[in-house]
Amino acid sequence: MAKNIRNPPHDLEPRSHQDACEEYQIIIPEE
């Protein structure tokens, strides 16, 4: 499950790649 957290959720929902990246950045900010 850790792998999925580290990768952008592009396969979870049929939304735009940009939205997925934005939400990914909010969930896992750059260290």
PDB file of N, CA and C in Angstrom:
ATOM      1  N   MET A   1       0.831  -1.205   0.000  1.00  0.00           N
ATOM      2  CA  MET A   1       0.000   0.000   0.000  1.00  0.00           C
ATOM      3  C   MET A   1       0.871   1.264   0.000  1.00  0.00           C
ATOM      4  N   ALA A   2       2.052   1.148   0.538  1.00  0.00           N
ATOM      5  CA  ALA A   2       2.959   2.297   0.580  1.00  0.00           C
ATOM      6  C   ALA A   2       3.302   2.760  -0.835  1.00  0.00           C
ATOM      7  N   LYS A   3       3.453   1.796  -1.755  1.00  0.00           N
ATOM      8  CA  LYS A   3       3.765   2.168  -3.142  1.00  0.00           C
ATOM      9  C   LYS A   3       2.688   3.083  -3.711  1.00  0.00           C
ATOM     10  N   ASN A   4       1.422   2.733  -3.464  1.00  0.00           N
ATOM     11  CA  ASN A   4       0.322   3.539  -4.000  1.00  0.00           C
ATOM     12  C   ASN A   4       0.349   4.957  -3.433  1.00  0.00           C
ATOM     13  N   ILE A   5       0.749   5.092  -2.173  1.00  0.00           N
ATOM     14  CA  ILE A   5       0.804   6.412  -1.544  1.00  0.00           C
ATOM     15  C   ILE A   5       1.908   7.262  -2.187  1.00  0.00           C
ATOM     16  N   ARG A   6       3.001   6.640  -2.528  1.00  0.00           N
ATOM     17  CA  ARG A   6       4.130   7.376  -3.119  1.00  0.00           C
ATOM     18  C   ARG A   6       3.865   7.769  -4.568  1.00  0.00           C
ATOM     19  N   ASN A   7       2.946   7.063  -5.220  1.00  0.00           N
ATOM     20  CA  ASN A   7       2.640   7.364  -6.622  1.00  0.00           C
ATOM     21  C   ASN A   7       1.353   8.182  -6.728  1.00  0.00           C
ATOM     22  N   PRO A   8       1.281   9.074  -7.707  1.00  0.00           N
ATOM     23  CA  PRO A   8       0.072   9.882  -7.888  1.00  0.00           C
ATOM     24  C   PRO A   8      -1.147   8.999  -8.151  1.00  0.00           C
ATOM     25  N   PRO A   9      -2.294   9.336  -7.583  1.00  0.00           N
ATOM     26  CA  PRO A   9      -3.513   8.534  -7.761  1.00  0.00           C
ATOM     27  C   PRO A   9      -4.149   8.785  -9.123  1.00  0.00           C
ATOM     28  N   HIS A  10      -3.459   8.367 -10.197  1.00  0.00           N
ATOM     29  CA  HIS A  10      -3.974   8.627 -11.545  1.00  0.00           C
ATOM     30  C   HIS A  10      -4.948   7.533 -11.977  1.00  0.00           C
ATOM     31  N   ASP A  11      -4.951   6.396 -11.268  1.00  0.00           N
ATOM     32  CA  ASP A  11      -5.834   5.293 -11.652  1.00  0.00           C
ATOM     33  C   ASP A  11      -7.028   5.159 -10.700  1.00  0.00           C
ATOM     34  N   LEU A  12      -7.053   5.998  -9.657  1.00  0.00           N
ATOM     35  CA  LEU A  12      -8.145   5.872  -8.685  1.00  0.00           C
ATOM     36  C   LEU A  12      -9.449   6.430  -9.261  1.00  0.00           C
ATOM     37  N   GLU A  13      -9.383   7.605  -9.879  1.00  0.00           N
ATOM     38  CA  GLU A  13     -10.597   8.218 -10.431  1.00  0.00           C
ATOM     39  C   GLU A  13     -10.306   8.794 -11.815  1.00  0.00           C
ATOM     40  N   PRO A  14     -11.313   8.824 -12.688  1.00  0.00           N
ATOM     41  CA  PRO A  14     -11.141   9.306 -14.071  1.00  0.00           C
ATOM     42  C   PRO A  14     -11.107  10.828 -14.162  1.00  0.00           C
ATOM     43  N   ARG A  15     -10.296  11.467 -13.319  1.00  0.00           N
ATOM     44  CA  ARG A  15     -10.194  12.921 -13.397  1.00  0.00           C
ATOM     45  C   ARG A  15      -8.902  13.311 -14.124  1.00  0.00           C
ATOM     46  N   SER A  16      -8.726  14.590 -14.373  1.00  0.00           N
ATOM     47  CA  SER A  16      -7.565  15.049 -15.126  1.00  0.00           C
ATOM     48  C   SER A  16      -6.264  14.743 -14.385  1.00  0.00           C
ATOM     49  N   HIS A  17      -5.186  14.593 -15.123  1.00  0.00           N
ATOM     50  CA  HIS A  17      -3.889  14.269 -14.511  1.00  0.00           C
ATOM     51  C   HIS A  17      -3.424  15.421 -13.623  1.00  0.00           C
ATOM     52  N   GLN A  18      -3.745  16.662 -14.031  1.00  0.00           N
ATOM     53  CA  GLN A  18      -3.327  17.834 -13.250  1.00  0.00           C
ATOM     54  C   GLN A  18      -3.957  17.806 -11.860  1.00  0.00           C
ATOM     55  N   ASP A  19      -5.263  17.535 -11.799  1.00  0.00           N
ATOM     56  CA  ASP A  19      -5.950  17.484 -10.498  1.00  0.00           C
ATOM     57  C   ASP A  19      -5.336  16.397  -9.623  1.00  0.00           C
ATOM     58  N   ALA A  20      -5.040  15.263 -10.223  1.00  0.00           N
ATOM     59  CA  ALA A  20      -4.450  14.162  -9.464  1.00  0.00           C
ATOM     60  C   ALA A  20      -3.096  14.588  -8.902  1.00  0.00           C
ATOM     61  N   CYS A  21      -2.296  15.279  -9.709  1.00  0.00           N
ATOM     62  CA  CYS A  21      -0.973  15.723  -9.256  1.00  0.00           C
ATOM     63  C   CYS A  21      -1.108  16.741  -8.128  1.00  0.00           C
ATOM     64  N   GLU A  22      -2.059  17.663  -8.269  1.00  0.00           N
ATOM     65  CA  GLU A  22      -2.241  18.680  -7.232  1.00  0.00           C
ATOM     66  C   GLU A  22      -2.614  18.030  -5.913  1.00  0.00           C
ATOM     67  N   GLU A  23      -3.563  17.087  -5.959  1.00  0.00           N
ATOM     68  CA  GLU A  23      -3.981  16.417  -4.721  1.00  0.00           C
ATOM     69  C   GLU A  23      -2.830  15.582  -4.167  1.00  0.00           C
ATOM     70  N   TYR A  24      -2.050  14.986  -5.058  1.00  0.00           N
ATOM     71  CA  TYR A  24      -0.897  14.180  -4.636  1.00  0.00           C
ATOM     72  C   TYR A  24       0.110  15.050  -3.892  1.00  0.00           C
ATOM     73  N   GLN A  25       0.344  16.245  -4.403  1.00  0.00           N
ATOM     74  CA  GLN A  25       1.284  17.161  -3.754  1.00  0.00           C
ATOM     75  C   GLN A  25       0.775  17.559  -2.368  1.00  0.00           C
ATOM     76  N   ILE A  26      -0.545  17.714  -2.229  1.00  0.00           N
ATOM     77  CA  ILE A  26      -1.114  18.109  -0.930  1.00  0.00           C
ATOM     78  C   ILE A  26      -0.972  16.965   0.071  1.00  0.00           C
ATOM     79  N   ILE A  27      -1.186  15.730  -0.409  1.00  0.00           N
ATOM     80  CA  ILE A  27      -1.114  14.577   0.491  1.00  0.00           C
ATOM     81  C   ILE A  27       0.344  14.276   0.855  1.00  0.00           C
ATOM     82  N   ILE A  28       1.226  14.251  -0.144  1.00  0.00           N
ATOM     83  CA  ILE A  28       2.636  13.928   0.091  1.00  0.00           C
ATOM     84  C   ILE A  28       3.504  15.084  -0.400  1.00  0.00           C
ATOM     85  N   PRO A  29       3.715  16.122   0.410  1.00  0.00           N
ATOM     86  CA  PRO A  29       4.544  17.267   0.006  1.00  0.00           C
ATOM     87  C   PRO A  29       6.010  16.863  -0.163  1.00  0.00           C
ATOM     88  N   GLU A  30       6.722  17.588  -1.002  1.00  0.00           N
ATOM     89  CA  GLU A  30       8.141  17.259  -1.230  1.00  0.00           C
ATOM     90  C   GLU A  30       8.935  17.443   0.054  1.00  0.00           C
ATOM     91  N   GLU A  31       9.823  16.516   0.314  1.00  0.00           N
ATOM     92  CA  GLU A  31      10.611  16.602   1.551  1.00  0.00           C
ATOM     93  C   GLU A  31      11.857  17.455   1.348  1.00  0.00           C
TER      94      GLU A  31
END
